[in-house]
Amino acid sequence: DIKPQMSNIVVSFINNPLELAKRTFLEKHPLAKVKEQADRIRKAEPWPKSVVYALEAVSSHMEIFGKPRLPLVKTPRAGKKTVTKGADGQKIEQIIPGENTVQLQLNLRNAGVYPGKVVMKSQFDVRVVDLEYRCGLTLDAAQLEFECAAGQSITQNIPLVNSGMKPMSVTANFAGQREYFVGHGRDMVVDGKKKADFPLTFKPARPGTFHAKLVLKTGGESISYALKGIANEPLARGHVVIDADARGRTRHRFTVPNVFGAEREAAYDVSSDLNFVGGDPQCVVLANDTSTYDMAIAPTCSGVFHGSVTFTAP
């Protein structure tokens, strides 16, 4: 489960946009020449040293922590950090916010941009604080681990959420052993207020453990994932039943694909755990093609025998 995060927003006691509007009115507005209008502003009573505001968070991803009220004071007390020891002897740091601080609880579950607002209302003014949280930056967001048999593939969808109004373009870049991982293939566009899945596929051609890094870029921000793929021994591509006579000789022809596709040709080493079969030690398959392999079977006695023929490409 993803735990909620906390964010502290420090608010100034002075409403700077309001003060700027007053000065602009007195300097430029035509009504400022009317004495009664100008005196209303110049002779306005000063605010008290403490003003209580009602708070409202306008976003489904954030909410006010604690009571939805905030006393703004003219000379606020600053926040502080305390250090205590837990039951296991480890140090625990705790930030105690100062006065004039709005505490928000954030619920950001996926990578993306989360805009929001905090509306503050008092008997003297109404303020709107615009906020934007970007979830997932330059550090690895997570490690994704895949495991499947060589020659097979497995896909993991990475959720992307666009909480803004404008479309969000997502570009994917791979580093490391990138040939074993496949992404969307082109830039993705997530419409405003929509969600989308970025399909990430692990497709190993041979057994082994492979590491890569995926970086998803959205505008000026990036989200990176450490990738680990474990490819086990390949599964059998098929089961073949061959009838043969004891002390006789039979031939069987296999159709062999190229596991590398159009990338390059595959030069397979051919082996079997049955001691009465034989054939060429290698089988070469051109890029984006298939080939055939002829195997001779010569059992020395009757019975039912189980075994395998393995084509291994370096």
Protein backbone atom coordinates (compact mmCIF):
# COMPACT_ATOMS: atom_id res chain seq x y z
CA ASP A 1 0.00 0.00 0.00
CA ILE A 2 1.11 3.57 -0.70
CA LYS A 3 1.10 5.69 2.45
CA PRO A 4 -0.18 9.30 2.32
CA GLN A 5 2.48 12.01 2.30
CA MET A 6 2.48 15.32 4.15
CA SER A 7 3.15 18.75 2.69
CA ASN A 8 3.48 22.00 4.66
CA ILE A 9 2.45 25.27 2.95
CA VAL A 10 3.61 28.45 4.69
CA VAL A 11 1.22 31.39 4.15
CA SER A 12 2.14 35.06 4.57
CA PHE A 13 0.07 37.13 6.98
CA ILE A 14 0.11 40.03 4.52
CA ASN A 15 -2.07 39.56 1.45
CA ASN A 16 0.46 40.86 -1.07
CA PRO A 17 -1.85 40.76 -4.15
CA LEU A 18 -4.46 42.76 -2.18
CA GLU A 19 -1.91 45.38 -1.10
CA LEU A 20 -0.67 45.66 -4.68
CA ALA A 21 -4.25 46.14 -5.89
CA LYS A 22 -4.75 48.96 -3.37
CA ARG A 23 -1.63 50.77 -4.52
CA THR A 24 -2.56 50.31 -8.19
CA PHE A 25 -6.03 51.71 -7.53
CA LEU A 26 -4.68 54.81 -5.79
CA GLU A 27 -2.09 55.43 -8.50
CA LYS A 28 -3.93 54.59 -11.73
CA HIS A 29 -7.67 54.03 -11.33
CA PRO A 30 -9.90 56.96 -12.38
CA LEU A 31 -12.04 56.58 -9.24
CA ALA A 32 -8.98 57.35 -7.10
CA LYS A 33 -9.50 60.99 -8.01
CA VAL A 34 -12.79 60.86 -6.13
CA LYS A 35 -11.91 61.82 -2.57
CA GLU A 36 -14.50 59.61 -0.93
CA GLN A 37 -13.30 56.52 -2.79
CA ALA A 38 -9.62 57.15 -2.03
CA ASP A 39 -10.32 57.86 1.65
CA ARG A 40 -12.05 54.48 2.03
CA ILE A 41 -8.78 52.76 1.23
CA ARG A 42 -6.41 55.14 3.04
CA LYS A 43 -8.49 55.19 6.22
CA ALA A 44 -9.29 51.48 6.32
CA GLU A 45 -8.81 50.02 9.78
CA PRO A 46 -5.70 47.82 10.17
CA TRP A 47 -6.26 44.13 10.54
CA PRO A 48 -5.98 42.52 13.97
CA LYS A 49 -2.78 40.69 14.83
CA SER A 50 -4.52 37.34 14.28
CA VAL A 51 -7.08 36.42 11.61
CA VAL A 52 -8.84 33.02 11.44
CA TYR A 53 -9.29 31.45 8.01
CA ALA A 54 -11.55 28.57 6.97
CA LEU A 55 -9.63 26.14 4.73
CA GLU A 56 -10.80 24.05 1.79
CA ALA A 57 -8.68 21.80 -0.45
CA VAL A 58 -9.91 21.67 -4.06
CA SER A 59 -8.48 18.35 -5.32
CA SER A 60 -9.31 14.68 -4.98
CA HIS A 61 -5.62 13.97 -4.30
CA MET A 62 -5.14 16.25 -1.29
CA GLU A 63 -7.01 17.15 1.87
CA ILE A 64 -6.53 19.42 4.85
CA PHE A 65 -4.78 17.63 7.71
CA GLY A 66 -6.42 18.28 11.06
CA LYS A 67 -8.97 21.04 11.61
CA PRO A 68 -9.95 23.00 8.48
CA ARG A 69 -9.14 26.32 10.21
CA LEU A 70 -5.93 28.33 10.34
CA PRO A 71 -5.18 31.36 12.53
CA LEU A 72 -2.80 33.66 10.62
CA VAL A 73 -0.71 35.72 13.03
CA LYS A 74 1.34 38.82 12.27
CA THR A 75 4.50 37.53 14.01
CA PRO A 76 4.42 33.74 13.55
CA ARG A 77 6.47 31.24 15.51
CA ALA A 78 8.93 29.34 13.29
CA GLY A 79 8.88 25.59 12.88
CA LYS A 80 11.46 23.28 14.41
CA LYS A 81 12.92 19.80 14.08
CA THR A 82 13.07 17.33 16.95
CA VAL A 83 15.16 14.16 17.17
CA THR A 84 14.13 11.26 19.41
CA LYS A 85 15.06 7.60 19.75
CA GLY A 86 12.68 4.81 18.89
CA ALA A 87 12.23 1.47 20.66
CA ASP A 88 14.98 -0.03 18.49
CA GLY A 89 17.43 2.75 19.35
CA GLN A 90 17.24 4.35 15.90
CA LYS A 91 16.96 8.13 15.59
CA ILE A 92 13.56 9.50 14.57
CA GLU A 93 13.40 13.00 13.11
CA GLN A 94 10.12 14.90 13.30
CA ILE A 95 9.31 18.28 11.78
CA ILE A 96 7.00 20.43 13.90
CA PRO A 97 5.51 23.07 11.61
CA GLY A 98 5.40 26.67 12.76
CA GLU A 99 2.44 29.00 12.81
CA ASN A 100 0.83 30.22 9.56
CA THR A 101 1.31 26.75 8.05
CA VAL A 102 -1.32 24.77 6.14
CA GLN A 103 -0.76 21.02 6.48
CA LEU A 104 -1.89 18.93 3.52
CA GLN A 105 -2.22 15.17 3.28
CA LEU A 106 -1.37 13.99 -0.25
CA ASN A 107 -2.62 10.81 -1.90
CA LEU A 108 -0.46 10.50 -5.02
CA ARG A 109 -0.65 6.88 -6.16
CA ASN A 110 0.81 7.04 -9.68
CA ALA A 111 3.42 8.98 -11.58
CA GLY A 112 2.17 12.25 -13.02
CA VAL A 113 1.32 15.91 -12.39
CA TYR A 114 -1.26 16.74 -9.71
CA PRO A 115 -2.63 20.33 -9.65
CA GLY A 116 -4.79 21.59 -6.83
CA LYS A 117 -5.90 24.64 -4.84
CA VAL A 118 -6.34 25.64 -1.23
CA VAL A 119 -9.09 28.22 -0.67
CA MET A 120 -8.74 30.41 2.48
CA LYS A 121 -11.72 32.51 3.64
CA SER A 122 -11.85 35.10 6.43
CA GLN A 123 -14.00 38.13 7.24
CA PHE A 124 -11.35 40.34 5.62
CA ASP A 125 -10.34 38.54 2.42
CA VAL A 126 -10.46 35.35 0.35
CA ARG A 127 -7.22 33.76 -0.87
CA VAL A 128 -6.61 31.00 -3.39
CA VAL A 129 -3.27 29.17 -3.23
CA ASP A 130 -2.45 27.34 -6.49
CA LEU A 131 -0.45 24.13 -6.03
CA GLU A 132 1.14 21.58 -8.35
CA TYR A 133 2.81 18.36 -7.24
CA ARG A 134 4.95 16.30 -9.60
CA CYS A 135 5.13 12.66 -8.58
CA GLY A 136 8.29 10.84 -9.69
CA LEU A 137 11.47 12.75 -10.55
CA THR A 138 15.08 11.78 -11.25
CA LEU A 139 15.53 8.90 -8.79
CA ASP A 140 14.41 5.37 -9.61
CA ALA A 141 10.71 5.19 -8.79
CA ALA A 142 10.87 1.43 -8.32
CA GLN A 143 12.56 -1.76 -9.44
CA LEU A 144 10.49 -3.90 -11.77
CA GLU A 145 11.41 -7.57 -11.90
CA PHE A 146 10.35 -9.98 -14.63
CA GLU A 147 10.75 -13.75 -14.86
CA CYS A 148 9.84 -16.06 -17.70
CA ALA A 149 11.33 -18.78 -19.89
CA ALA A 150 13.72 -17.85 -22.69
CA GLY A 151 11.82 -17.46 -25.94
CA GLN A 152 8.68 -16.35 -24.08
CA SER A 153 7.57 -12.85 -23.05
CA ILE A 154 5.87 -11.19 -20.09
CA THR A 155 4.31 -7.71 -19.94
CA GLN A 156 3.89 -5.28 -17.04
CA ASN A 157 1.71 -2.18 -17.45
CA ILE A 158 3.04 1.02 -15.86
CA PRO A 159 0.14 3.36 -14.97
CA LEU A 160 0.39 6.99 -16.06
CA VAL A 161 -2.03 9.62 -14.82
CA ASN A 162 -2.51 13.13 -16.15
CA SER A 163 -4.38 15.22 -13.60
CA GLY A 164 -3.93 18.41 -15.61
CA MET A 165 -6.19 19.73 -18.33
CA LYS A 166 -3.68 19.66 -21.21
CA PRO A 167 -2.48 16.46 -22.97
CA MET A 168 0.74 15.00 -21.53
CA SER A 169 3.35 13.54 -23.89
CA VAL A 170 5.43 10.64 -22.51
CA THR A 171 8.74 9.60 -24.11
CA ALA A 172 10.46 6.31 -23.18
CA ASN A 173 14.24 5.77 -23.22
CA PHE A 174 16.08 2.54 -22.35
CA ALA A 175 19.65 2.07 -21.11
CA GLY A 176 21.68 -1.05 -20.27
CA GLN A 177 20.71 -4.40 -21.77
CA ARG A 178 17.84 -2.76 -23.60
CA GLU A 179 17.57 -5.44 -26.30
CA TYR A 180 15.68 -7.68 -23.87
CA PHE A 181 13.00 -5.09 -23.00
CA VAL A 182 10.35 -3.65 -25.32
CA GLY A 183 8.28 -0.51 -24.67
CA HIS A 184 5.40 1.19 -26.40
CA GLY A 185 7.44 1.77 -29.56
CA ARG A 186 6.56 5.46 -29.87
CA ASP A 187 5.66 8.46 -27.73
CA MET A 188 2.45 8.13 -25.74
CA VAL A 189 -0.02 10.96 -25.26
CA VAL A 190 -2.24 10.96 -22.16
CA ASP A 191 -5.23 13.26 -22.51
CA GLY A 192 -6.08 15.71 -19.75
CA LYS A 193 -7.84 14.19 -16.73
CA LYS A 194 -7.18 10.71 -18.12
CA LYS A 195 -5.13 7.63 -17.26
CA ALA A 196 -3.18 5.32 -19.55
CA ASP A 197 -0.96 2.23 -19.25
CA PHE A 198 2.57 2.09 -20.63
CA PRO A 199 3.18 -1.56 -21.67
CA LEU A 200 6.65 -2.82 -20.76
CA THR A 201 7.60 -6.27 -22.09
CA PHE A 202 10.50 -8.54 -21.14
CA LYS A 203 11.32 -10.75 -24.13
CA PRO A 204 14.55 -12.74 -23.61
CA ALA A 205 16.02 -14.77 -26.45
CA ARG A 206 18.31 -16.81 -24.18
CA PRO A 207 18.58 -17.82 -20.50
CA GLY A 208 20.25 -15.43 -18.07
CA THR A 209 19.74 -12.40 -15.84
CA PHE A 210 19.53 -9.02 -17.55
CA HIS A 211 19.48 -5.45 -16.22
CA ALA A 212 18.31 -2.24 -17.85
CA LYS A 213 16.84 1.15 -16.98
CA LEU A 214 13.68 2.76 -18.29
CA VAL A 215 13.25 6.54 -18.16
CA LEU A 216 9.82 8.01 -18.88
CA LYS A 217 10.01 11.73 -19.68
CA THR A 218 7.04 14.07 -19.36
CA GLY A 219 8.00 17.60 -20.31
CA GLY A 220 10.85 18.74 -18.08
CA GLU A 221 10.43 15.88 -15.59
CA SER A 222 11.53 12.25 -15.73
CA ILE A 223 10.61 9.04 -13.93
CA SER A 224 13.06 6.14 -13.97
CA TYR A 225 12.63 2.44 -13.27
CA ALA A 226 15.37 -0.10 -12.62
CA LEU A 227 14.59 -3.24 -14.64
CA LYS A 228 15.66 -6.80 -13.87
CA GLY A 229 14.76 -9.71 -16.10
CA ILE A 230 15.33 -13.37 -15.26
CA ALA A 231 15.12 -15.77 -18.20
CA ASN A 232 14.89 -19.45 -17.26
CA GLU A 233 15.65 -22.40 -19.51
CA PRO A 234 13.37 -22.39 -22.56
CA LEU A 235 10.17 -24.38 -22.66
CA ALA A 236 9.66 -27.07 -25.26
CA ARG A 237 8.27 -25.57 -28.47
CA GLY A 238 6.39 -28.75 -29.19
CA HIS A 239 6.06 -32.46 -28.50
CA VAL A 240 6.91 -34.85 -31.31
CA VAL A 241 6.12 -38.59 -31.41
CA ILE A 242 8.38 -40.55 -33.75
CA ASP A 243 7.77 -44.21 -34.64
CA ALA A 244 10.95 -46.16 -35.32
CA ASP A 245 12.04 -49.81 -35.61
CA ALA A 246 14.60 -51.32 -33.26
CA ARG A 247 18.00 -51.58 -35.02
CA GLY A 248 16.48 -49.62 -37.90
CA ARG A 249 17.09 -46.07 -39.11
CA THR A 250 14.49 -43.27 -39.32
CA ARG A 251 14.79 -39.61 -40.24
CA HIS A 252 12.72 -36.70 -38.92
CA ARG A 253 12.73 -33.10 -40.16
CA PHE A 254 12.25 -30.17 -37.73
CA THR A 255 11.24 -26.63 -38.70
CA VAL A 256 13.54 -24.21 -36.83
CA PRO A 257 12.59 -20.50 -36.39
CA ASN A 258 14.98 -17.60 -35.82
CA VAL A 259 14.55 -16.43 -32.23
CA PHE A 260 16.18 -13.08 -33.10
CA GLY A 261 13.60 -12.29 -35.77
CA ALA A 262 14.80 -9.72 -38.29
CA GLU A 263 17.67 -8.55 -36.07
CA ARG A 264 20.32 -11.08 -37.20
CA GLU A 265 20.87 -14.68 -38.23
CA ALA A 266 20.87 -17.43 -35.61
CA ALA A 267 23.62 -20.06 -35.55
CA TYR A 268 22.33 -22.85 -33.28
CA ASP A 269 24.39 -25.54 -31.62
CA VAL A 270 22.30 -28.72 -31.71
CA SER A 271 22.37 -31.29 -28.89
CA SER A 272 20.22 -34.13 -27.53
CA ASP A 273 20.06 -36.21 -24.36
CA LEU A 274 19.25 -39.36 -26.40
CA ASN A 275 22.31 -41.43 -27.38
CA PHE A 276 20.80 -42.97 -30.52
CA VAL A 277 19.99 -39.79 -32.45
CA GLY A 278 22.34 -37.75 -34.62
CA GLY A 279 22.65 -34.99 -37.19
CA ASP A 280 24.65 -31.88 -38.03
CA PRO A 281 26.12 -30.17 -34.94
CA GLN A 282 24.91 -26.77 -36.14
CA CYS A 283 21.84 -25.25 -37.76
CA VAL A 284 21.96 -21.73 -39.26
CA VAL A 285 18.76 -19.72 -39.76
CA LEU A 286 18.84 -16.45 -41.69
CA ALA A 287 17.35 -13.26 -40.22
CA ASN A 288 13.55 -13.10 -40.33
CA ASP A 289 13.39 -16.64 -41.76
CA THR A 290 13.03 -20.31 -40.82
CA SER A 291 15.10 -23.35 -41.69
CA THR A 292 14.90 -27.15 -41.43
CA TYR A 293 17.00 -29.63 -39.50
CA ASP A 294 17.17 -33.35 -40.32
CA MET A 295 17.73 -35.75 -37.44
CA ALA A 296 18.51 -39.46 -37.74
CA ILE A 297 17.03 -41.91 -35.20
CA ALA A 298 18.55 -45.38 -34.79
CA PRO A 299 17.40 -47.13 -31.57
CA THR A 300 19.24 -50.34 -30.68
CA CYS A 301 16.34 -51.89 -28.80
CA SER A 302 12.59 -51.64 -28.55
CA GLY A 303 10.75 -49.53 -25.99
CA VAL A 304 9.39 -46.05 -25.31
CA PHE A 305 12.08 -43.40 -24.95
CA HIS A 306 11.67 -39.78 -23.82
CA GLY A 307 14.20 -37.08 -24.55
CA SER A 308 14.74 -33.67 -26.10
CA VAL A 309 16.57 -31.90 -28.89
CA THR A 310 17.94 -28.47 -27.98
CA PHE A 311 18.91 -25.65 -30.34
CA THR A 312 21.14 -23.14 -28.53
CA ALA A 313 22.05 -19.77 -30.07
CA PRO A 314 24.97 -17.79 -28.56
